[in-house]
PDB file of N, CA and C in Angstrom:
ATOM      1  N   MET A   1      32.899 123.905 113.944  1.00  0.00           N
ATOM      2  CA  MET A   1      31.342 124.328 114.653  1.00  0.00           C
ATOM      3  C   MET A   1      30.647 124.665 113.152  1.00  0.00           C
ATOM      4  N   PRO A   2      29.766 124.034 112.430  1.00  0.00           N
ATOM      5  CA  PRO A   2      29.010 124.560 111.584  1.00  0.00           C
ATOM      6  C   PRO A   2      28.062 125.646 111.967  1.00  0.00           C
ATOM      7  N   ALA A   3      27.413 126.668 111.337  1.00  0.00           N
ATOM      8  CA  ALA A   3      26.673 127.322 111.894  1.00  0.00           C
ATOM      9  C   ALA A   3      24.767 127.097 112.426  1.00  0.00           C
ATOM     10  N   ASN A   4      24.790 125.638 111.324  1.00  0.00           N
ATOM     11  CA  ASN A   4      23.134 125.570 111.914  1.00  0.00           C
ATOM     12  C   ASN A   4      23.786 123.741 112.882  1.00  0.00           C
ATOM     13  N   SER A   5      24.819 123.946 113.708  1.00  0.00           N
ATOM     14  CA  SER A   5      24.861 122.803 114.890  1.00  0.00           C
ATOM     15  C   SER A   5      24.165 123.670 116.052  1.00  0.00           C
ATOM     16  N   LEU A   6      24.395 122.578 116.842  1.00  0.00           N
ATOM     17  CA  LEU A   6      23.498 123.089 118.189  1.00  0.00           C
ATOM     18  C   LEU A   6      24.346 123.859 119.351  1.00  0.00           C
ATOM     19  N   SER A   7      25.519 124.433 118.606  1.00  0.00           N
ATOM     20  CA  SER A   7      26.323 124.893 119.290  1.00  0.00           C
ATOM     21  C   SER A   7      26.609 126.418 119.542  1.00  0.00           C
ATOM     22  N   LEU A   8      26.630 126.924 120.533  1.00  0.00           N
ATOM     23  CA  LEU A   8      26.132 128.353 121.147  1.00  0.00           C
ATOM     24  C   LEU A   8      27.326 129.120 121.600  1.00  0.00           C
ATOM     25  N   ILE A   9      27.769 130.204 120.974  1.00  0.00           N
ATOM     26  CA  ILE A   9      28.474 131.252 120.757  1.00  0.00           C
ATOM     27  C   ILE A   9      27.984 132.394 122.155  1.00  0.00           C
ATOM     28  N   ARG A  10      28.920 132.034 123.347  1.00  0.00           N
ATOM     29  CA  ARG A  10      28.986 133.085 124.273  1.00  0.00           C
ATOM     30  C   ARG A  10      29.820 134.262 124.576  1.00  0.00           C
ATOM     31  N   ILE A  11      28.660 135.471 124.438  1.00  0.00           N
ATOM     32  CA  ILE A  11      29.972 136.841 124.508  1.00  0.00           C
ATOM     33  C   ILE A  11      29.865 137.284 125.910  1.00  0.00           C
ATOM     34  N   VAL A  12      30.697 137.266 126.597  1.00  0.00           N
ATOM     35  CA  VAL A  12      31.155 137.738 128.027  1.00  0.00           C
ATOM     36  C   VAL A  12      31.924 139.103 127.756  1.00  0.00           C
ATOM     37  N   ASP A  13      31.296 140.423 127.740  1.00  0.00           N
ATOM     38  CA  ASP A  13      31.957 141.584 127.897  1.00  0.00           C
ATOM     39  C   ASP A  13      30.735 142.980 128.551  1.00  0.00           C
ATOM     40  N   ASP A  14      31.542 143.699 128.963  1.00  0.00           N
ATOM     41  CA  ASP A  14      31.141 144.693 129.903  1.00  0.00           C
ATOM     42  C   ASP A  14      30.844 145.885 128.990  1.00  0.00           C
ATOM     43  N   ASP A  15      31.047 145.426 127.852  1.00  0.00           N
ATOM     44  CA  ASP A  15      30.891 146.590 126.862  1.00  0.00           C
ATOM     45  C   ASP A  15      29.388 146.371 125.961  1.00  0.00           C
ATOM     46  N   ALA A  16      28.248 147.252 126.289  1.00  0.00           N
ATOM     47  CA  ALA A  16      27.091 146.565 125.769  1.00  0.00           C
ATOM     48  C   ALA A  16      26.955 147.038 124.006  1.00  0.00           C
ATOM     49  N   GLU A  17      27.866 147.907 123.751  1.00  0.00           N
ATOM     50  CA  GLU A  17      27.568 147.901 121.992  1.00  0.00           C
ATOM     51  C   GLU A  17      28.505 146.914 121.600  1.00  0.00           C
ATOM     52  N   MET A  18      29.754 146.387 122.235  1.00  0.00           N
ATOM     53  CA  MET A  18      30.367 145.569 121.771  1.00  0.00           C
ATOM     54  C   MET A  18      29.765 144.152 121.643  1.00  0.00           C
ATOM     55  N   ARG A  19      28.920 144.020 122.554  1.00  0.00           N
ATOM     56  CA  ARG A  19      27.988 142.057 122.991  1.00  0.00           C
ATOM     57  C   ARG A  19      26.903 142.971 121.458  1.00  0.00           C
ATOM     58  N   GLU A  20      26.433 143.828 121.770  1.00  0.00           N
ATOM     59  CA  GLU A  20      25.399 143.946 120.393  1.00  0.00           C
ATOM     60  C   GLU A  20      25.918 143.829 119.282  1.00  0.00           C
ATOM     61  N   SER A  21      26.814 144.167 119.096  1.00  0.00           N
ATOM     62  CA  SER A  21      27.645 144.496 118.029  1.00  0.00           C
ATOM     63  C   SER A  21      28.052 142.810 117.272  1.00  0.00           C
ATOM     64  N   LEU A  22      28.480 142.303 118.228  1.00  0.00           N
ATOM     65  CA  LEU A  22      29.159 140.858 118.161  1.00  0.00           C
ATOM     66  C   LEU A  22      27.973 140.014 117.606  1.00  0.00           C
ATOM     67  N   GLU A  23      26.814 139.747 118.525  1.00  0.00           N
ATOM     68  CA  GLU A  23      25.345 139.171 118.642  1.00  0.00           C
ATOM     69  C   GLU A  23      25.017 139.457 117.078  1.00  0.00           C
ATOM     70  N   PHE A  24      25.020 140.502 116.878  1.00  0.00           N
ATOM     71  CA  PHE A  24      24.250 140.891 115.166  1.00  0.00           C
ATOM     72  C   PHE A  24      25.294 140.210 114.308  1.00  0.00           C
ATOM     73  N   LEU A  25      26.785 140.508 114.212  1.00  0.00           N
ATOM     74  CA  LEU A  25      27.324 140.271 113.346  1.00  0.00           C
ATOM     75  C   LEU A  25      27.350 138.642 113.029  1.00  0.00           C
ATOM     76  N   LEU A  26      27.306 137.716 114.372  1.00  0.00           N
ATOM     77  CA  LEU A  26      27.011 136.406 114.608  1.00  0.00           C
ATOM     78  C   LEU A  26      25.983 135.766 113.920  1.00  0.00           C
ATOM     79  N   SER A  27      24.751 136.260 114.246  1.00  0.00           N
ATOM     80  CA  SER A  27      22.959 135.930 113.840  1.00  0.00           C
ATOM     81  C   SER A  27      23.154 136.139 112.171  1.00  0.00           C
ATOM     82  N   THR A  28      23.966 137.333 111.621  1.00  0.00           N
ATOM     83  CA  THR A  28      23.889 137.298 110.129  1.00  0.00           C
ATOM     84  C   THR A  28      24.565 136.073 108.906  1.00  0.00           C
ATOM     85  N   GLU A  29      25.458 135.501 109.949  1.00  0.00           N
ATOM     86  CA  GLU A  29      26.058 134.116 110.000  1.00  0.00           C
ATOM     87  C   GLU A  29      25.471 133.206 110.469  1.00  0.00           C
ATOM     88  N   GLY A  30      24.330 132.885 110.705  1.00  0.00           N
ATOM     89  CA  GLY A  30      23.669 131.740 111.095  1.00  0.00           C
ATOM     90  C   GLY A  30      24.006 131.657 112.186  1.00  0.00           C
ATOM     91  N   TRP A  31      24.891 132.088 113.291  1.00  0.00           N
ATOM     92  CA  TRP A  31      25.259 131.795 114.521  1.00  0.00           C
ATOM     93  C   TRP A  31      24.363 131.803 115.410  1.00  0.00           C
ATOM     94  N   LYS A  32      23.735 131.108 116.430  1.00  0.00           N
ATOM     95  CA  LYS A  32      23.030 131.170 117.789  1.00  0.00           C
ATOM     96  C   LYS A  32      24.216 131.757 118.904  1.00  0.00           C
ATOM     97  N   SER A  33      23.652 132.855 119.520  1.00  0.00           N
ATOM     98  CA  SER A  33      24.628 133.666 120.468  1.00  0.00           C
ATOM     99  C   SER A  33      23.850 134.188 121.670  1.00  0.00           C
ATOM    100  N   ARG A  34      24.492 134.367 122.713  1.00  0.00           N
ATOM    101  CA  ARG A  34      23.623 134.902 123.933  1.00  0.00           C
ATOM    102  C   ARG A  34      25.081 135.610 124.839  1.00  0.00           C
ATOM    103  N   SER A  35      24.847 136.640 125.026  1.00  0.00           N
ATOM    104  CA  SER A  35      25.617 137.501 125.760  1.00  0.00           C
ATOM    105  C   SER A  35      25.591 137.908 127.617  1.00  0.00           C
ATOM    106  N   TYR A  36      26.596 138.181 127.835  1.00  0.00           N
ATOM    107  CA  TYR A  36      26.404 138.624 129.100  1.00  0.00           C
ATOM    108  C   TYR A  36      27.141 139.649 129.925  1.00  0.00           C
ATOM    109  N   ALA A  37      27.119 140.634 130.420  1.00  0.00           N
ATOM    110  CA  ALA A  37      27.514 141.667 130.535  1.00  0.00           C
ATOM    111  C   ALA A  37      28.658 141.597 132.141  1.00  0.00           C
ATOM    112  N   SER A  38      28.788 140.318 132.301  1.00  0.00           N
ATOM    113  CA  SER A  38      29.891 140.164 133.021  1.00  0.00           C
ATOM    114  C   SER A  38      30.511 138.228 133.293  1.00  0.00           C
ATOM    115  N   ALA A  39      31.124 138.115 133.977  1.00  0.00           N
ATOM    116  CA  ALA A  39      31.980 136.677 134.125  1.00  0.00           C
ATOM    117  C   ALA A  39      30.511 136.105 135.306  1.00  0.00           C
ATOM    118  N   GLU A  40      30.552 136.697 136.043  1.00  0.00           N
ATOM    119  CA  GLU A  40      29.674 136.796 137.297  1.00  0.00           C
ATOM    120  C   GLU A  40      27.877 136.215 136.355  1.00  0.00           C
ATOM    121  N   ALA A  41      27.583 136.773 135.377  1.00  0.00           N
ATOM    122  CA  ALA A  41      26.437 136.757 135.019  1.00  0.00           C
ATOM    123  C   ALA A  41      26.263 135.510 134.172  1.00  0.00           C
ATOM    124  N   PHE A  42      27.539 135.629 133.235  1.00  0.00           N
ATOM    125  CA  PHE A  42      27.926 133.840 132.638  1.00  0.00           C
ATOM    126  C   PHE A  42      27.980 132.756 133.791  1.00  0.00           C
ATOM    127  N   LEU A  43      28.402 133.196 134.905  1.00  0.00           N
ATOM    128  CA  LEU A  43      28.558 131.867 135.765  1.00  0.00           C
ATOM    129  C   LEU A  43      27.491 131.482 136.455  1.00  0.00           C
ATOM    130  N   GLU A  44      26.628 132.125 136.510  1.00  0.00           N
ATOM    131  CA  GLU A  44      24.780 132.364 136.830  1.00  0.00           C
ATOM    132  C   GLU A  44      23.954 131.264 135.934  1.00  0.00           C
ATOM    133  N   THR A  45      24.586 131.065 135.338  1.00  0.00           N
ATOM    134  CA  THR A  45      23.355 130.279 133.963  1.00  0.00           C
ATOM    135  C   THR A  45      23.759 128.802 133.929  1.00  0.00           C
ATOM    136  N   ASP A  46      23.121 128.201 133.157  1.00  0.00           N
ATOM    137  CA  ASP A  46      23.701 126.673 132.428  1.00  0.00           C
ATOM    138  C   ASP A  46      24.369 126.868 131.502  1.00  0.00           C
ATOM    139  N   ASP A  47      24.927 127.992 130.558  1.00  0.00           N
ATOM    140  CA  ASP A  47      25.618 127.630 129.319  1.00  0.00           C
ATOM    141  C   ASP A  47      26.699 126.840 129.355  1.00  0.00           C
ATOM    142  N   VAL A  48      27.307 127.051 130.369  1.00  0.00           N
ATOM    143  CA  VAL A  48      28.771 126.747 130.396  1.00  0.00           C
ATOM    144  C   VAL A  48      28.705 125.044 130.433  1.00  0.00           C
ATOM    145  N   MET A  49      27.402 124.519 129.832  1.00  0.00           N
ATOM    146  CA  MET A  49      27.201 122.919 130.326  1.00  0.00           C
ATOM    147  C   MET A  49      27.207 122.677 128.344  1.00  0.00           C
ATOM    148  N   VAL A  50      26.436 123.698 127.604  1.00  0.00           N
ATOM    149  CA  VAL A  50      26.099 123.628 126.618  1.00  0.00           C
ATOM    150  C   VAL A  50      27.359 123.339 125.525  1.00  0.00           C
ATOM    151  N   PRO A  51      27.269 122.775 124.213  1.00  0.00           N
ATOM    152  CA  PRO A  51      28.631 122.862 123.613  1.00  0.00           C
ATOM    153  C   PRO A  51      28.664 124.501 122.722  1.00  0.00           C
ATOM    154  N   GLY A  52      30.118 124.283 122.603  1.00  0.00           N
ATOM    155  CA  GLY A  52      30.276 125.973 121.580  1.00  0.00           C
ATOM    156  C   GLY A  52      31.508 126.520 122.078  1.00  0.00           C
ATOM    157  N   CYS A  53      31.109 127.852 122.386  1.00  0.00           N
ATOM    158  CA  CYS A  53      32.817 128.604 122.380  1.00  0.00           C
ATOM    159  C   CYS A  53      32.175 129.884 123.316  1.00  0.00           C
ATOM    160  N   LEU A  54      33.393 130.251 123.720  1.00  0.00           N
ATOM    161  CA  LEU A  54      33.365 131.566 124.394  1.00  0.00           C
ATOM    162  C   LEU A  54      33.881 132.620 123.744  1.00  0.00           C
ATOM    163  N   ILE A  55      33.577 134.005 123.723  1.00  0.00           N
ATOM    164  CA  ILE A  55      34.544 135.145 123.482  1.00  0.00           C
ATOM    165  C   ILE A  55      33.960 135.997 124.590  1.00  0.00           C
ATOM    166  N   LEU A  56      35.614 136.196 125.220  1.00  0.00           N
ATOM    167  CA  LEU A  56      36.012 136.885 126.532  1.00  0.00           C
ATOM    168  C   LEU A  56      36.137 138.346 126.295  1.00  0.00           C
ATOM    169  N   ASP A  57      36.060 139.371 127.023  1.00  0.00           N
ATOM    170  CA  ASP A  57      36.940 140.483 127.185  1.00  0.00           C
ATOM    171  C   ASP A  57      37.429 139.936 128.122  1.00  0.00           C
ATOM    172  N   ILE A  58      39.261 140.629 128.011  1.00  0.00           N
ATOM    173  CA  ILE A  58      40.064 140.717 129.323  1.00  0.00           C
ATOM    174  C   ILE A  58      39.995 141.260 130.264  1.00  0.00           C
ATOM    175  N   ARG A  59      39.402 143.135 130.195  1.00  0.00           N
ATOM    176  CA  ARG A  59      39.049 143.662 131.509  1.00  0.00           C
ATOM    177  C   ARG A  59      37.898 143.829 131.326  1.00  0.00           C
ATOM    178  N   MET A  60      37.367 143.390 132.504  1.00  0.00           N
ATOM    179  CA  MET A  60      35.787 143.750 133.283  1.00  0.00           C
ATOM    180  C   MET A  60      35.790 143.910 134.505  1.00  0.00           C
ATOM    181  N   PRO A  61      34.740 144.479 134.761  1.00  0.00           N
ATOM    182  CA  PRO A  61      34.547 144.617 136.403  1.00  0.00           C
ATOM    183  C   PRO A  61      34.092 143.195 137.373  1.00  0.00           C
ATOM    184  N   GLY A  62      34.891 143.179 138.526  1.00  0.00           N
ATOM    185  CA  GLY A  62      34.506 141.562 139.202  1.00  0.00           C
ATOM    186  C   GLY A  62      35.525 141.031 138.556  1.00  0.00           C
ATOM    187  N   LEU A  63      34.779 139.788 138.023  1.00  0.00           N
ATOM    188  CA  LEU A  63      35.935 138.648 137.386  1.00  0.00           C
ATOM    189  C   LEU A  63      36.713 138.784 136.185  1.00  0.00           C
ATOM    190  N   SER A  64      38.079 139.157 135.716  1.00  0.00           N
ATOM    191  CA  SER A  64      38.196 139.304 134.523  1.00  0.00           C
ATOM    192  C   SER A  64      38.263 138.286 133.561  1.00  0.00           C
ATOM    193  N   GLY A  65      38.243 138.174 132.454  1.00  0.00           N
ATOM    194  CA  GLY A  65      38.286 137.338 131.501  1.00  0.00           C
ATOM    195  C   GLY A  65      39.311 136.301 131.411  1.00  0.00           C
ATOM    196  N   LEU A  66      40.443 136.782 131.986  1.00  0.00           N
ATOM    197  CA  LEU A  66      41.636 135.887 132.309  1.00  0.00           C
ATOM    198  C   LEU A  66      41.103 134.670 133.611  1.00  0.00           C
ATOM    199  N   GLN A  67      40.434 135.648 134.781  1.00  0.00           N
ATOM    200  CA  GLN A  67      40.232 134.737 135.905  1.00  0.00           C
ATOM    201  C   GLN A  67      38.936 134.303 135.523  1.00  0.00           C
ATOM    202  N   LEU A  68      38.079 134.341 134.985  1.00  0.00           N
ATOM    203  CA  LEU A  68      36.817 133.507 134.419  1.00  0.00           C
ATOM    204  C   LEU A  68      37.335 132.016 133.606  1.00  0.00           C
ATOM    205  N   GLN A  69      38.949 132.294 132.663  1.00  0.00           N
ATOM    206  CA  GLN A  69      39.304 131.345 132.007  1.00  0.00           C
ATOM    207  C   GLN A  69      39.854 130.450 132.846  1.00  0.00           C
ATOM    208  N   GLU A  70      40.389 130.994 134.094  1.00  0.00           N
ATOM    209  CA  GLU A  70      41.223 129.771 135.282  1.00  0.00           C
ATOM    210  C   GLU A  70      40.274 129.114 136.164  1.00  0.00           C
ATOM    211  N   LEU A  71      39.247 129.820 136.243  1.00  0.00           N
ATOM    212  CA  LEU A  71      38.118 128.920 136.841  1.00  0.00           C
ATOM    213  C   LEU A  71      37.503 128.010 135.908  1.00  0.00           C
ATOM    214  N   LEU A  72      37.286 128.411 134.934  1.00  0.00           N
ATOM    215  CA  LEU A  72      36.694 126.997 134.166  1.00  0.00           C
ATOM    216  C   LEU A  72      37.359 125.980 134.033  1.00  0.00           C
ATOM    217  N   LYS A  73      38.853 126.208 133.958  1.00  0.00           N
ATOM    218  CA  LYS A  73      39.963 125.222 133.686  1.00  0.00           C
ATOM    219  C   LYS A  73      39.744 124.379 134.962  1.00  0.00           C
ATOM    220  N   LYS A  74      39.867 125.103 135.975  1.00  0.00           N
ATOM    221  CA  LYS A  74      40.210 124.253 137.174  1.00  0.00           C
ATOM    222  C   LYS A  74      38.293 123.200 137.214  1.00  0.00           C
ATOM    223  N   LYS A  75      37.416 123.630 136.725  1.00  0.00           N
ATOM    224  CA  LYS A  75      36.535 122.857 136.942  1.00  0.00           C
ATOM    225  C   LYS A  75      36.447 122.012 135.725  1.00  0.00           C
ATOM    226  N   ASP A  76      37.234 121.912 134.915  1.00  0.00           N
ATOM    227  CA  ASP A  76      37.380 121.015 133.968  1.00  0.00           C
ATOM    228  C   ASP A  76      36.280 121.108 132.940  1.00  0.00           C
ATOM    229  N   TYR A  77      35.718 122.385 132.867  1.00  0.00           N
ATOM    230  CA  TYR A  77      35.045 123.006 131.707  1.00  0.00           C
ATOM    231  C   TYR A  77      36.087 122.897 130.580  1.00  0.00           C
ATOM    232  N   SER A  78      35.673 122.719 129.223  1.00  0.00           N
ATOM    233  CA  SER A  78      36.584 122.749 128.286  1.00  0.00           C
ATOM    234  C   SER A  78      36.027 123.346 126.872  1.00  0.00           C
ATOM    235  N   LEU A  79      35.438 124.673 127.242  1.00  0.00           N
ATOM    236  CA  LEU A  79      35.026 125.604 125.924  1.00  0.00           C
ATOM    237  C   LEU A  79      35.712 126.180 125.370  1.00  0.00           C
ATOM    238  N   PRO A  80      36.323 126.037 123.921  1.00  0.00           N
ATOM    239  CA  PRO A  80      37.336 126.726 123.655  1.00  0.00           C
ATOM    240  C   PRO A  80      37.005 128.456 123.994  1.00  0.00           C
ATOM    241  N   ILE A  81      37.843 129.226 124.138  1.00  0.00           N
ATOM    242  CA  ILE A  81      37.738 130.426 124.552  1.00  0.00           C
ATOM    243  C   ILE A  81      38.773 131.137 123.212  1.00  0.00           C
ATOM    244  N   LEU A  82      37.909 132.436 122.908  1.00  0.00           N
ATOM    245  CA  LEU A  82      38.218 133.526 122.157  1.00  0.00           C
ATOM    246  C   LEU A  82      38.334 134.775 123.028  1.00  0.00           C
ATOM    247  N   PHE A  83      39.759 135.299 122.738  1.00  0.00           N
ATOM    248  CA  PHE A  83      39.924 136.366 124.061  1.00  0.00           C
ATOM    249  C   PHE A  83      39.713 137.500 123.296  1.00  0.00           C
ATOM    250  N   ILE A  84      38.901 138.760 123.522  1.00  0.00           N
ATOM    251  CA  ILE A  84      39.002 140.409 122.846  1.00  0.00           C
ATOM    252  C   ILE A  84      39.568 141.365 123.743  1.00  0.00           C
ATOM    253  N   THR A  85      40.563 142.499 123.450  1.00  0.00           N
ATOM    254  CA  THR A  85      40.720 143.064 124.426  1.00  0.00           C
ATOM    255  C   THR A  85      41.276 144.216 123.561  1.00  0.00           C
ATOM    256  N   ALA A  86      40.545 145.624 124.148  1.00  0.00           N
ATOM    257  CA  ALA A  86      41.059 146.887 123.773  1.00  0.00           C
ATOM    258  C   ALA A  86      42.780 147.287 124.586  1.00  0.00           C
ATOM    259  N   HIS A  87      42.982 146.389 125.773  1.00  0.00           N
ATOM    260  CA  HIS A  87      44.192 146.873 126.405  1.00  0.00           C
ATOM    261  C   HIS A  87      45.032 145.534 126.703  1.00  0.00           C
ATOM    262  N   GLY A  88      44.908 144.817 125.538  1.00  0.00           N
ATOM    263  CA  GLY A  88      46.101 143.772 125.769  1.00  0.00           C
ATOM    264  C   GLY A  88      47.613 144.275 125.644  1.00  0.00           C
ATOM    265  N   ASP A  89      48.543 142.963 125.767  1.00  0.00           N
ATOM    266  CA  ASP A  89      49.835 143.196 125.755  1.00  0.00           C
ATOM    267  C   ASP A  89      50.607 141.731 125.284  1.00  0.00           C
ATOM    268  N   ILE A  90      51.512 141.617 125.101  1.00  0.00           N
ATOM    269  CA  ILE A  90      51.738 140.386 124.743  1.00  0.00           C
ATOM    270  C   ILE A  90      52.108 139.234 125.900  1.00  0.00           C
ATOM    271  N   THR A  91      52.330 139.798 126.982  1.00  0.00           N
ATOM    272  CA  THR A  91      52.124 139.350 128.496  1.00  0.00           C
ATOM    273  C   THR A  91      51.070 138.351 128.536  1.00  0.00           C
ATOM    274  N   MET A  92      49.850 139.061 128.213  1.00  0.00           N
ATOM    275  CA  MET A  92      48.575 138.724 128.694  1.00  0.00           C
ATOM    276  C   MET A  92      48.508 137.709 127.850  1.00  0.00           C
ATOM    277  N   ALA A  93      48.600 138.123 126.154  1.00  0.00           N
ATOM    278  CA  ALA A  93      48.036 137.111 125.165  1.00  0.00           C
ATOM    279  C   ALA A  93      48.806 135.534 125.290  1.00  0.00           C
ATOM    280  N   VAL A  94      50.100 135.741 125.865  1.00  0.00           N
ATOM    281  CA  VAL A  94      50.799 134.513 125.946  1.00  0.00           C
ATOM    282  C   VAL A  94      50.257 133.917 127.096  1.00  0.00           C
ATOM    283  N   GLU A  95      49.907 134.794 128.066  1.00  0.00           N
ATOM    284  CA  GLU A  95      49.476 134.164 129.303  1.00  0.00           C
ATOM    285  C   GLU A  95      48.148 133.325 129.091  1.00  0.00           C
ATOM    286  N   ALA A  96      47.310 133.664 128.271  1.00  0.00           N
ATOM    287  CA  ALA A  96      45.875 133.181 127.788  1.00  0.00           C
ATOM    288  C   ALA A  96      45.799 132.215 126.977  1.00  0.00           C
ATOM    289  N   VAL A  97      46.874 132.322 125.857  1.00  0.00           N
ATOM    290  CA  VAL A  97      47.201 131.081 125.441  1.00  0.00           C
ATOM    291  C   VAL A  97      47.875 129.949 125.811  1.00  0.00           C
ATOM    292  N   LYS A  98      48.351 130.223 127.107  1.00  0.00           N
ATOM    293  CA  LYS A  98      49.083 128.893 127.074  1.00  0.00           C
ATOM    294  C   LYS A  98      48.071 128.025 128.677  1.00  0.00           C
ATOM    295  N   ASN A  99      47.122 129.103 128.734  1.00  0.00           N
ATOM    296  CA  ASN A  99      45.939 128.574 129.418  1.00  0.00           C
ATOM    297  C   ASN A  99      44.932 127.904 128.901  1.00  0.00           C
ATOM    298  N   GLY A 100      45.351 127.962 127.268  1.00  0.00           N
ATOM    299  CA  GLY A 100      44.147 127.089 126.549  1.00  0.00           C
ATOM    300  C   GLY A 100      43.281 127.894 125.560  1.00  0.00           C
ATOM    301  N   ALA A 101      43.693 129.300 125.800  1.00  0.00           N
ATOM    302  CA  ALA A 101      42.540 129.765 124.343  1.00  0.00           C
ATOM    303  C   ALA A 101      43.100 129.890 123.349  1.00  0.00           C
ATOM    304  N   PHE A 102      41.692 129.634 122.432  1.00  0.00           N
ATOM    305  CA  PHE A 102      42.011 129.356 120.998  1.00  0.00           C
ATOM    306  C   PHE A 102      42.740 130.655 120.457  1.00  0.00           C
ATOM    307  N   ASP A 103      42.744 131.603 120.879  1.00  0.00           N
ATOM    308  CA  ASP A 103      43.347 132.863 120.233  1.00  0.00           C
ATOM    309  C   ASP A 103      43.049 134.319 121.006  1.00  0.00           C
ATOM    310  N   PHE A 104      43.821 135.231 120.532  1.00  0.00           N
ATOM    311  CA  PHE A 104      44.006 136.678 121.600  1.00  0.00           C
ATOM    312  C   PHE A 104      43.559 137.429 120.161  1.00  0.00           C
ATOM    313  N   LEU A 105      42.567 138.129 120.250  1.00  0.00           N
ATOM    314  CA  LEU A 105      42.535 139.550 119.299  1.00  0.00           C
ATOM    315  C   LEU A 105      42.212 140.763 119.437  1.00  0.00           C
ATOM    316  N   PRO A 106      42.517 141.987 118.957  1.00  0.00           N
ATOM    317  CA  PRO A 106      42.758 143.334 119.563  1.00  0.00           C
ATOM    318  C   PRO A 106      41.249 143.873 119.019  1.00  0.00           C
ATOM    319  N   LYS A 107      40.755 144.553 119.873  1.00  0.00           N
ATOM    320  CA  LYS A 107      39.390 145.335 119.416  1.00  0.00           C
ATOM    321  C   LYS A 107      40.166 146.881 118.712  1.00  0.00           C
ATOM    322  N   PRO A 108      39.437 147.221 117.696  1.00  0.00           N
ATOM    323  CA  PRO A 108      38.009 147.019 117.221  1.00  0.00           C
ATOM    324  C   PRO A 108      38.283 146.049 116.841  1.00  0.00           C
ATOM    325  N   LEU A 109      37.162 144.848 116.445  1.00  0.00           N
ATOM    326  CA  LEU A 109      37.646 143.610 115.853  1.00  0.00           C
ATOM    327  C   LEU A 109      36.803 144.243 114.140  1.00  0.00           C
ATOM    328  N   ASP A 110      37.365 143.471 113.282  1.00  0.00           N
ATOM    329  CA  ASP A 110      37.083 144.045 111.446  1.00  0.00           C
ATOM    330  C   ASP A 110      35.747 143.748 111.190  1.00  0.00           C
ATOM    331  N   GLY A 111      35.166 142.021 111.388  1.00  0.00           N
ATOM    332  CA  GLY A 111      34.350 141.882 111.104  1.00  0.00           C
ATOM    333  C   GLY A 111      34.538 140.195 110.628  1.00  0.00           C
ATOM    334  N   GLN A 112      35.599 140.135 110.486  1.00  0.00           N
ATOM    335  CA  GLN A 112      35.650 138.737 109.350  1.00  0.00           C
ATOM    336  C   GLN A 112      36.265 137.851 110.501  1.00  0.00           C
TER     337      GLN A 112
END
């Protein structure tokens, strides 16, 4: 996805500092982004229909990132998903990728 396209990167993470950091990093590279404090907040929007991708935290209050991925898959939404987490393990990463995740990265991210 070129940075000048109509694509939107959605960030779903309960950590406000992580959301703000990712939004800043993405904006410096010319990407449009929007962030949400929960999976439920994301689902209340029409953003799921806009081309782009999702950056999801695994552990969040309410629906987890994996539960959101499963729900989107059942509804035939095909947004590419990049998982980020400070609490991941190999089993969790394998499950996410088997269910269609693009990648699974540990926090903290290094900006690359």
